[in-house]
Amino acid sequence: MARTLEQAIELRAKQGGGGFTPSQLRTIVDATLKEVDATDESQLKFLGQGFFGDVFWLGDKRKVLKLTNDYTDAYASEIVRRKPDKNLVKVYQVFALADSYPAVIGIVNEKLSPLASHERAKLDYLRKLWNKAIGQRTFLTRQNLDKFVDSPQIEEVDDADYGLLSTLVRVFTDRHIKWRDLSGDNIMARGREKVVSDLGFSESLKQPIPVLVRL
């Protein structure tokens, strides 16, 4: 169901157990629009939602705004903003909409394209193999990758998928991020490149996140 920026902010605040008065909400909406260089809410097109967040396309820009309650996404995104990589989504901004707790976080990323359905299905099957060999919700680390290589499931993994896993292990290890949300939905396309599009449900060092509105 499509929703406005104001509705999404209110929903995320309530999901986190908080909320804003109508005047506070209006102030936060206006500050958010200003932060992403939009003059009004009509410039933001609602693209969809997940358990932790809502995503808006920022008009004619090749960018999207994600609103989330997931602090792990915020911290990992801030690390990637400062230390980008071609295999990770480009992060342009990370901010808390207000100094409330729990915060609603805004993350501005590049707009990526979905993979073809057969590629998404292939990655979902790779995740199934990983879960069978290593366990569900396990991190993509060098140690776990070595265990995966020693498992019977590796026989079903082609060179391209193994190469992707190896690359992501290197990229995330180099940034001290533990990531575990491998799926066909969380890896998207930038041209011909496969790119991790969602950095949430991860572990990394806490990062300073700027705040737009002091209530």
Foldseek 3Di string as FASTA:
>chain_A
DWDWPLVFQQVLQVVQVHGDDPVVSVVLQCLVCVVLVHPDRVQWGWDDADPFWTWTDRHPAQKIKIKGLFQQQLQVLVLCCVPPDPQAWHWDAWAFSEPDPPTTIITMTGHFAADPPVVQVVQAVVLVLLCVQQNALAWLEPVSLVSSCVDPSVVVDDPVRNVSSVVVNVVCVVSQKTAHPTGSVQWGDDDPHTHGYTRGPIDHDRDDHHYRYYD
